[in-house]
Amino acid sequence: MQEKVSKTQFKAKALELFRQIESSGQSVVVTDHGVPTIEVRQYRSIDRNPLDILRGSVIEFTAPTDPVSVGEWEALK
């Protein structure tokens, strides 16, 4: 769950929020009049292996070799 803070709160607690982001890895969304405008998160190097980026992202892998019906394929478009 991302924490949301207003610009005013962010300005007052920026260093505290930076420490929180560094320690937890969770991002913080800064809002302007309740509308999300900026996300502050930990820096991630661009030079990452694509497989490392996807690691842990598959939630369910059921029967990957089963054929997909035409109806299912159309729904996936």
PDB file of N, CA and C in Angstrom:
ATOM      1  N   MET A   1       0.840  -1.178   0.000  1.00  0.00           N
ATOM      2  CA  MET A   1       0.000   0.000   0.000  1.00  0.00           C
ATOM      3  C   MET A   1       0.884   1.239   0.000  1.00  0.00           C
ATOM      4  N   GLN A   2       0.673   2.111  -0.923  1.00  0.00           N
ATOM      5  CA  GLN A   2       1.450   3.331  -1.001  1.00  0.00           C
ATOM      6  C   GLN A   2       0.886   4.372  -0.046  1.00  0.00           C
ATOM      7  N   GLU A   3       1.791   5.048   0.622  1.00  0.00           N
ATOM      8  CA  GLU A   3       1.375   6.144   1.501  1.00  0.00           C
ATOM      9  C   GLU A   3       1.148   7.379   0.634  1.00  0.00           C
ATOM     10  N   LYS A   4       0.125   8.132   0.948  1.00  0.00           N
ATOM     11  CA  LYS A   4      -0.158   9.375   0.233  1.00  0.00           C
ATOM     12  C   LYS A   4      -0.019  10.538   1.202  1.00  0.00           C
ATOM     13  N   VAL A   5       0.682  11.583   0.745  1.00  0.00           N
ATOM     14  CA  VAL A   5       0.843  12.789   1.565  1.00  0.00           C
ATOM     15  C   VAL A   5       0.605  14.007   0.680  1.00  0.00           C
ATOM     16  N   SER A   6       0.121  15.063   1.274  1.00  0.00           N
ATOM     17  CA  SER A   6      -0.080  16.305   0.525  1.00  0.00           C
ATOM     18  C   SER A   6       1.272  16.991   0.326  1.00  0.00           C
ATOM     19  N   LYS A   7       1.311  17.954  -0.598  1.00  0.00           N
ATOM     20  CA  LYS A   7       2.545  18.706  -0.814  1.00  0.00           C
ATOM     21  C   LYS A   7       2.996  19.395   0.466  1.00  0.00           C
ATOM     22  N   THR A   8       2.051  19.922   1.224  1.00  0.00           N
ATOM     23  CA  THR A   8       2.364  20.612   2.475  1.00  0.00           C
ATOM     24  C   THR A   8       3.005  19.651   3.474  1.00  0.00           C
ATOM     25  N   GLN A   9       2.408  18.453   3.615  1.00  0.00           N
ATOM     26  CA  GLN A   9       2.966  17.455   4.526  1.00  0.00           C
ATOM     27  C   GLN A   9       4.347  17.019   4.052  1.00  0.00           C
ATOM     28  N   PHE A  10       4.493  16.837   2.742  1.00  0.00           N
ATOM     29  CA  PHE A  10       5.772  16.408   2.202  1.00  0.00           C
ATOM     30  C   PHE A  10       6.857  17.435   2.500  1.00  0.00           C
ATOM     31  N   LYS A  11       6.539  18.692   2.293  1.00  0.00           N
ATOM     32  CA  LYS A  11       7.511  19.764   2.539  1.00  0.00           C
ATOM     33  C   LYS A  11       7.968  19.745   4.000  1.00  0.00           C
ATOM     34  N   ALA A  12       7.048  19.548   4.914  1.00  0.00           N
ATOM     35  CA  ALA A  12       7.366  19.580   6.340  1.00  0.00           C
ATOM     36  C   ALA A  12       8.121  18.329   6.802  1.00  0.00           C
ATOM     37  N   LYS A  13       7.869  17.191   6.154  1.00  0.00           N
ATOM     38  CA  LYS A  13       8.436  15.926   6.631  1.00  0.00           C
ATOM     39  C   LYS A  13       9.315  15.239   5.590  1.00  0.00           C
ATOM     40  N   ALA A  14       9.892  15.972   4.658  1.00  0.00           N
ATOM     41  CA  ALA A  14      10.635  15.369   3.541  1.00  0.00           C
ATOM     42  C   ALA A  14      11.746  14.430   4.014  1.00  0.00           C
ATOM     43  N   LEU A  15      12.605  14.876   4.924  1.00  0.00           N
ATOM     44  CA  LEU A  15      13.710  14.028   5.374  1.00  0.00           C
ATOM     45  C   LEU A  15      13.214  12.764   6.064  1.00  0.00           C
ATOM     46  N   GLU A  16      12.177  12.890   6.865  1.00  0.00           N
ATOM     47  CA  GLU A  16      11.585  11.731   7.529  1.00  0.00           C
ATOM     48  C   GLU A  16      11.031  10.753   6.496  1.00  0.00           C
ATOM     49  N   LEU A  17      10.342  11.277   5.481  1.00  0.00           N
ATOM     50  CA  LEU A  17       9.784  10.423   4.440  1.00  0.00           C
ATOM     51  C   LEU A  17      10.883   9.756   3.615  1.00  0.00           C
ATOM     52  N   PHE A  18      11.972  10.485   3.326  1.00  0.00           N
ATOM     53  CA  PHE A  18      13.092   9.887   2.594  1.00  0.00           C
ATOM     54  C   PHE A  18      13.671   8.708   3.368  1.00  0.00           C
ATOM     55  N   ARG A  19      13.856   8.876   4.667  1.00  0.00           N
ATOM     56  CA  ARG A  19      14.382   7.780   5.500  1.00  0.00           C
ATOM     57  C   ARG A  19      13.426   6.589   5.501  1.00  0.00           C
ATOM     58  N   GLN A  20      12.142   6.876   5.567  1.00  0.00           N
ATOM     59  CA  GLN A  20      11.127   5.821   5.563  1.00  0.00           C
ATOM     60  C   GLN A  20      11.177   5.054   4.236  1.00  0.00           C
ATOM     61  N   ILE A  21      11.289   5.754   3.132  1.00  0.00           N
ATOM     62  CA  ILE A  21      11.354   5.124   1.807  1.00  0.00           C
ATOM     63  C   ILE A  21      12.614   4.273   1.700  1.00  0.00           C
ATOM     64  N   GLU A  22      13.746   4.796   2.161  1.00  0.00           N
ATOM     65  CA  GLU A  22      15.006   4.055   2.111  1.00  0.00           C
ATOM     66  C   GLU A  22      14.948   2.774   2.931  1.00  0.00           C
ATOM     67  N   SER A  23      14.338   2.828   4.093  1.00  0.00           N
ATOM     68  CA  SER A  23      14.321   1.655   4.970  1.00  0.00           C
ATOM     69  C   SER A  23      13.260   0.631   4.572  1.00  0.00           C
ATOM     70  N   SER A  24      12.110   1.088   4.108  1.00  0.00           N
ATOM     71  CA  SER A  24      11.023   0.155   3.808  1.00  0.00           C
ATOM     72  C   SER A  24      10.962  -0.257   2.336  1.00  0.00           C
ATOM     73  N   GLY A  25      11.464   0.602   1.451  1.00  0.00           N
ATOM     74  CA  GLY A  25      11.356   0.316   0.019  1.00  0.00           C
ATOM     75  C   GLY A  25      10.006   0.694  -0.562  1.00  0.00           C
ATOM     76  N   GLN A  26       9.080   1.125   0.283  1.00  0.00           N
ATOM     77  CA  GLN A  26       7.752   1.527  -0.175  1.00  0.00           C
ATOM     78  C   GLN A  26       7.792   2.951  -0.705  1.00  0.00           C
ATOM     79  N   SER A  27       7.059   3.199  -1.782  1.00  0.00           N
ATOM     80  CA  SER A  27       7.033   4.542  -2.345  1.00  0.00           C
ATOM     81  C   SER A  27       5.992   5.415  -1.636  1.00  0.00           C
ATOM     82  N   VAL A  28       6.133   6.717  -1.831  1.00  0.00           N
ATOM     83  CA  VAL A  28       5.194   7.688  -1.278  1.00  0.00           C
ATOM     84  C   VAL A  28       4.656   8.523  -2.435  1.00  0.00           C
ATOM     85  N   VAL A  29       3.343   8.701  -2.479  1.00  0.00           N
ATOM     86  CA  VAL A  29       2.708   9.502  -3.516  1.00  0.00           C
ATOM     87  C   VAL A  29       2.373  10.865  -2.929  1.00  0.00           C
ATOM     88  N   VAL A  30       2.847  11.907  -3.605  1.00  0.00           N
ATOM     89  CA  VAL A  30       2.584  13.276  -3.173  1.00  0.00           C
ATOM     90  C   VAL A  30       1.376  13.779  -3.954  1.00  0.00           C
ATOM     91  N   THR A  31       0.415  14.362  -3.236  1.00  0.00           N
ATOM     92  CA  THR A  31      -0.817  14.821  -3.869  1.00  0.00           C
ATOM     93  C   THR A  31      -0.911  16.339  -3.858  1.00  0.00           C
ATOM     94  N   ASP A  32      -1.656  16.849  -4.819  1.00  0.00           N
ATOM     95  CA  ASP A  32      -1.954  18.279  -4.898  1.00  0.00           C
ATOM     96  C   ASP A  32      -3.469  18.405  -4.943  1.00  0.00           C
ATOM     97  N   HIS A  33      -4.045  18.903  -3.873  1.00  0.00           N
ATOM     98  CA  HIS A  33      -5.510  18.993  -3.740  1.00  0.00           C
ATOM     99  C   HIS A  33      -6.168  17.622  -3.926  1.00  0.00           C
ATOM    100  N   GLY A  34      -5.533  16.585  -3.349  1.00  0.00           N
ATOM    101  CA  GLY A  34      -6.066  15.235  -3.388  1.00  0.00           C
ATOM    102  C   GLY A  34      -5.770  14.461  -4.663  1.00  0.00           C
ATOM    103  N   VAL A  35      -5.132  15.088  -5.634  1.00  0.00           N
ATOM    104  CA  VAL A  35      -4.820  14.427  -6.907  1.00  0.00           C
ATOM    105  C   VAL A  35      -3.354  13.996  -6.884  1.00  0.00           C
ATOM    106  N   PRO A  36      -3.070  12.695  -7.103  1.00  0.00           N
ATOM    107  CA  PRO A  36      -1.677  12.243  -7.126  1.00  0.00           C
ATOM    108  C   PRO A  36      -0.883  12.966  -8.214  1.00  0.00           C
ATOM    109  N   THR A  37       0.285  13.510  -7.859  1.00  0.00           N
ATOM    110  CA  THR A  37       1.096  14.240  -8.834  1.00  0.00           C
ATOM    111  C   THR A  37       2.502  13.689  -8.967  1.00  0.00           C
ATOM    112  N   ILE A  38       3.093  13.214  -7.867  1.00  0.00           N
ATOM    113  CA  ILE A  38       4.476  12.747  -7.885  1.00  0.00           C
ATOM    114  C   ILE A  38       4.592  11.481  -7.040  1.00  0.00           C
ATOM    115  N   GLU A  39       5.413  10.553  -7.503  1.00  0.00           N
ATOM    116  CA  GLU A  39       5.723   9.361  -6.715  1.00  0.00           C
ATOM    117  C   GLU A  39       7.205   9.417  -6.359  1.00  0.00           C
ATOM    118  N   VAL A  40       7.509   9.282  -5.074  1.00  0.00           N
ATOM    119  CA  VAL A  40       8.891   9.261  -4.608  1.00  0.00           C
ATOM    120  C   VAL A  40       9.190   7.820  -4.209  1.00  0.00           C
ATOM    121  N   ARG A  41      10.251   7.258  -4.817  1.00  0.00           N
ATOM    122  CA  ARG A  41      10.608   5.873  -4.531  1.00  0.00           C
ATOM    123  C   ARG A  41      12.112   5.729  -4.507  1.00  0.00           C
ATOM    124  N   GLN A  42      12.583   4.555  -4.074  1.00  0.00           N
ATOM    125  CA  GLN A  42      14.009   4.284  -4.050  1.00  0.00           C
ATOM    126  C   GLN A  42      14.552   4.287  -5.467  1.00  0.00           C
ATOM    127  N   TYR A  43      15.787   4.744  -5.618  1.00  0.00           N
ATOM    128  CA  TYR A  43      16.448   4.733  -6.913  1.00  0.00           C
ATOM    129  C   TYR A  43      16.750   3.293  -7.311  1.00  0.00           C
ATOM    130  N   ARG A  44      16.498   2.992  -8.578  1.00  0.00           N
ATOM    131  CA  ARG A  44      16.820   1.673  -9.138  1.00  0.00           C
ATOM    132  C   ARG A  44      17.669   1.890 -10.375  1.00  0.00           C
ATOM    133  N   SER A  45      18.781   1.226 -10.415  1.00  0.00           N
ATOM    134  CA  SER A  45      19.677   1.354 -11.558  1.00  0.00           C
ATOM    135  C   SER A  45      18.976   0.884 -12.831  1.00  0.00           C
ATOM    136  N   ILE A  46      19.227   1.586 -13.920  1.00  0.00           N
ATOM    137  CA  ILE A  46      18.643   1.219 -15.217  1.00  0.00           C
ATOM    138  C   ILE A  46      19.294  -0.045 -15.749  1.00  0.00           C
ATOM    139  N   ASP A  47      20.534  -0.296 -15.358  1.00  0.00           N
ATOM    140  CA  ASP A  47      21.291  -1.442 -15.858  1.00  0.00           C
ATOM    141  C   ASP A  47      20.963  -2.718 -15.094  1.00  0.00           C
ATOM    142  N   ARG A  48      19.681  -3.063 -15.073  1.00  0.00           N
ATOM    143  CA  ARG A  48      19.276  -4.296 -14.401  1.00  0.00           C
ATOM    144  C   ARG A  48      18.930  -5.355 -15.438  1.00  0.00           C
ATOM    145  N   ASN A  49      19.148  -6.582 -15.082  1.00  0.00           N
ATOM    146  CA  ASN A  49      18.783  -7.711 -15.917  1.00  0.00           C
ATOM    147  C   ASN A  49      17.254  -7.767 -16.003  1.00  0.00           C
ATOM    148  N   PRO A  50      16.683  -7.853 -17.204  1.00  0.00           N
ATOM    149  CA  PRO A  50      15.213  -7.906 -17.332  1.00  0.00           C
ATOM    150  C   PRO A  50      14.579  -9.034 -16.529  1.00  0.00           C
ATOM    151  N   LEU A  51      15.278 -10.162 -16.391  1.00  0.00           N
ATOM    152  CA  LEU A  51      14.724 -11.267 -15.608  1.00  0.00           C
ATOM    153  C   LEU A  51      14.679 -10.917 -14.124  1.00  0.00           C
ATOM    154  N   ASP A  52      15.633 -10.122 -13.648  1.00  0.00           N
ATOM    155  CA  ASP A  52      15.604  -9.675 -12.252  1.00  0.00           C
ATOM    156  C   ASP A  52      14.410  -8.759 -12.008  1.00  0.00           C
ATOM    157  N   ILE A  53      14.079  -7.944 -12.989  1.00  0.00           N
ATOM    158  CA  ILE A  53      12.932  -7.031 -12.870  1.00  0.00           C
ATOM    159  C   ILE A  53      11.636  -7.825 -12.741  1.00  0.00           C
ATOM    160  N   LEU A  54      11.519  -8.926 -13.495  1.00  0.00           N
ATOM    161  CA  LEU A  54      10.293  -9.728 -13.500  1.00  0.00           C
ATOM    162  C   LEU A  54      10.240 -10.769 -12.383  1.00  0.00           C
ATOM    163  N   ARG A  55      11.360 -11.037 -11.741  1.00  0.00           N
ATOM    164  CA  ARG A  55      11.419 -12.067 -10.696  1.00  0.00           C
ATOM    165  C   ARG A  55      10.369 -11.801  -9.619  1.00  0.00           C
ATOM    166  N   GLY A  56       9.558 -12.816  -9.325  1.00  0.00           N
ATOM    167  CA  GLY A  56       8.536 -12.703  -8.298  1.00  0.00           C
ATOM    168  C   GLY A  56       7.232 -12.077  -8.767  1.00  0.00           C
ATOM    169  N   SER A  57       7.119 -11.763 -10.058  1.00  0.00           N
ATOM    170  CA  SER A  57       5.915 -11.088 -10.532  1.00  0.00           C
ATOM    171  C   SER A  57       4.829 -12.056 -11.002  1.00  0.00           C
ATOM    172  N   VAL A  58       5.179 -13.328 -11.219  1.00  0.00           N
ATOM    173  CA  VAL A  58       4.185 -14.311 -11.650  1.00  0.00           C
ATOM    174  C   VAL A  58       3.458 -14.822 -10.416  1.00  0.00           C
ATOM    175  N   ILE A  59       2.148 -14.628 -10.408  1.00  0.00           N
ATOM    176  CA  ILE A  59       1.352 -15.036  -9.254  1.00  0.00           C
ATOM    177  C   ILE A  59       0.835 -16.458  -9.433  1.00  0.00           C
ATOM    178  N   GLU A  60       0.429 -16.790 -10.652  1.00  0.00           N
ATOM    179  CA  GLU A  60      -0.122 -18.117 -10.924  1.00  0.00           C
ATOM    180  C   GLU A  60       0.357 -18.575 -12.287  1.00  0.00           C
ATOM    181  N   PHE A  61       0.813 -19.816 -12.373  1.00  0.00           N
ATOM    182  CA  PHE A  61       1.356 -20.375 -13.607  1.00  0.00           C
ATOM    183  C   PHE A  61       0.711 -21.728 -13.805  1.00  0.00           C
ATOM    184  N   THR A  62      -0.557 -21.755 -14.219  1.00  0.00           N
ATOM    185  CA  THR A  62      -1.331 -22.971 -14.331  1.00  0.00           C
ATOM    186  C   THR A  62      -1.406 -23.413 -15.789  1.00  0.00           C
ATOM    187  N   ALA A  63      -0.981 -24.608 -16.074  1.00  0.00           N
ATOM    188  CA  ALA A  63      -1.060 -25.235 -17.395  1.00  0.00           C
ATOM    189  C   ALA A  63      -0.575 -24.308 -18.517  1.00  0.00           C
ATOM    190  N   PRO A  64       0.686 -23.908 -18.496  1.00  0.00           N
ATOM    191  CA  PRO A  64       1.179 -22.962 -19.501  1.00  0.00           C
ATOM    192  C   PRO A  64       1.226 -23.512 -20.917  1.00  0.00           C
ATOM    193  N   THR A  65       1.191 -24.852 -21.048  1.00  0.00           N
ATOM    194  CA  THR A  65       1.279 -25.433 -22.386  1.00  0.00           C
ATOM    195  C   THR A  65      -0.081 -25.779 -22.981  1.00  0.00           C
ATOM    196  N   ASP A  66      -1.164 -25.573 -22.237  1.00  0.00           N
ATOM    197  CA  ASP A  66      -2.502 -25.853 -22.766  1.00  0.00           C
ATOM    198  C   ASP A  66      -2.839 -24.857 -23.874  1.00  0.00           C
ATOM    199  N   PRO A  67      -3.546 -25.335 -24.905  1.00  0.00           N
ATOM    200  CA  PRO A  67      -3.932 -24.408 -25.976  1.00  0.00           C
ATOM    201  C   PRO A  67      -4.936 -23.374 -25.467  1.00  0.00           C
ATOM    202  N   VAL A  68      -4.915 -22.192 -26.068  1.00  0.00           N
ATOM    203  CA  VAL A  68      -5.840 -21.118 -25.721  1.00  0.00           C
ATOM    204  C   VAL A  68      -6.933 -21.104 -26.774  1.00  0.00           C
ATOM    205  N   SER A  69      -8.202 -21.112 -26.328  1.00  0.00           N
ATOM    206  CA  SER A  69      -9.308 -21.098 -27.287  1.00  0.00           C
ATOM    207  C   SER A  69      -9.379 -19.738 -27.973  1.00  0.00           C
ATOM    208  N   VAL A  70     -10.051 -19.676 -29.122  1.00  0.00           N
ATOM    209  CA  VAL A  70     -10.161 -18.429 -29.879  1.00  0.00           C
ATOM    210  C   VAL A  70     -10.850 -17.348 -29.037  1.00  0.00           C
ATOM    211  N   GLY A  71     -11.872 -17.716 -28.282  1.00  0.00           N
ATOM    212  CA  GLY A  71     -12.583 -16.747 -27.448  1.00  0.00           C
ATOM    213  C   GLY A  71     -11.692 -16.137 -26.391  1.00  0.00           C
ATOM    214  N   GLU A  72     -10.854 -16.990 -25.773  1.00  0.00           N
ATOM    215  CA  GLU A  72      -9.937 -16.474 -24.763  1.00  0.00           C
ATOM    216  C   GLU A  72      -8.905 -15.551 -25.394  1.00  0.00           C
ATOM    217  N   TRP A  73      -8.416 -15.918 -26.571  1.00  0.00           N
ATOM    218  CA  TRP A  73      -7.408 -15.115 -27.250  1.00  0.00           C
ATOM    219  C   TRP A  73      -7.955 -13.731 -27.580  1.00  0.00           C
ATOM    220  N   GLU A  74      -9.194 -13.674 -28.049  1.00  0.00           N
ATOM    221  CA  GLU A  74      -9.815 -12.397 -28.379  1.00  0.00           C
ATOM    222  C   GLU A  74      -9.981 -11.542 -27.125  1.00  0.00           C
ATOM    223  N   ALA A  75     -10.275 -12.170 -25.994  1.00  0.00           N
ATOM    224  CA  ALA A  75     -10.459 -11.423 -24.756  1.00  0.00           C
ATOM    225  C   ALA A  75      -9.137 -10.834 -24.265  1.00  0.00           C
ATOM    226  N   LEU A  76      -8.036 -11.440 -24.659  1.00  0.00           N
ATOM    227  CA  LEU A  76      -6.726 -10.986 -24.211  1.00  0.00           C
ATOM    228  C   LEU A  76      -6.213  -9.796 -25.019  1.00  0.00           C
ATOM    229  N   LYS A  77      -6.833  -9.474 -26.126  1.00  0.00           N
ATOM    230  CA  LYS A  77      -6.368  -8.373 -26.954  1.00  0.00           C
ATOM    231  C   LYS A  77      -6.665  -7.034 -26.343  1.00  0.00           C
TER     232      LYS A  77
END
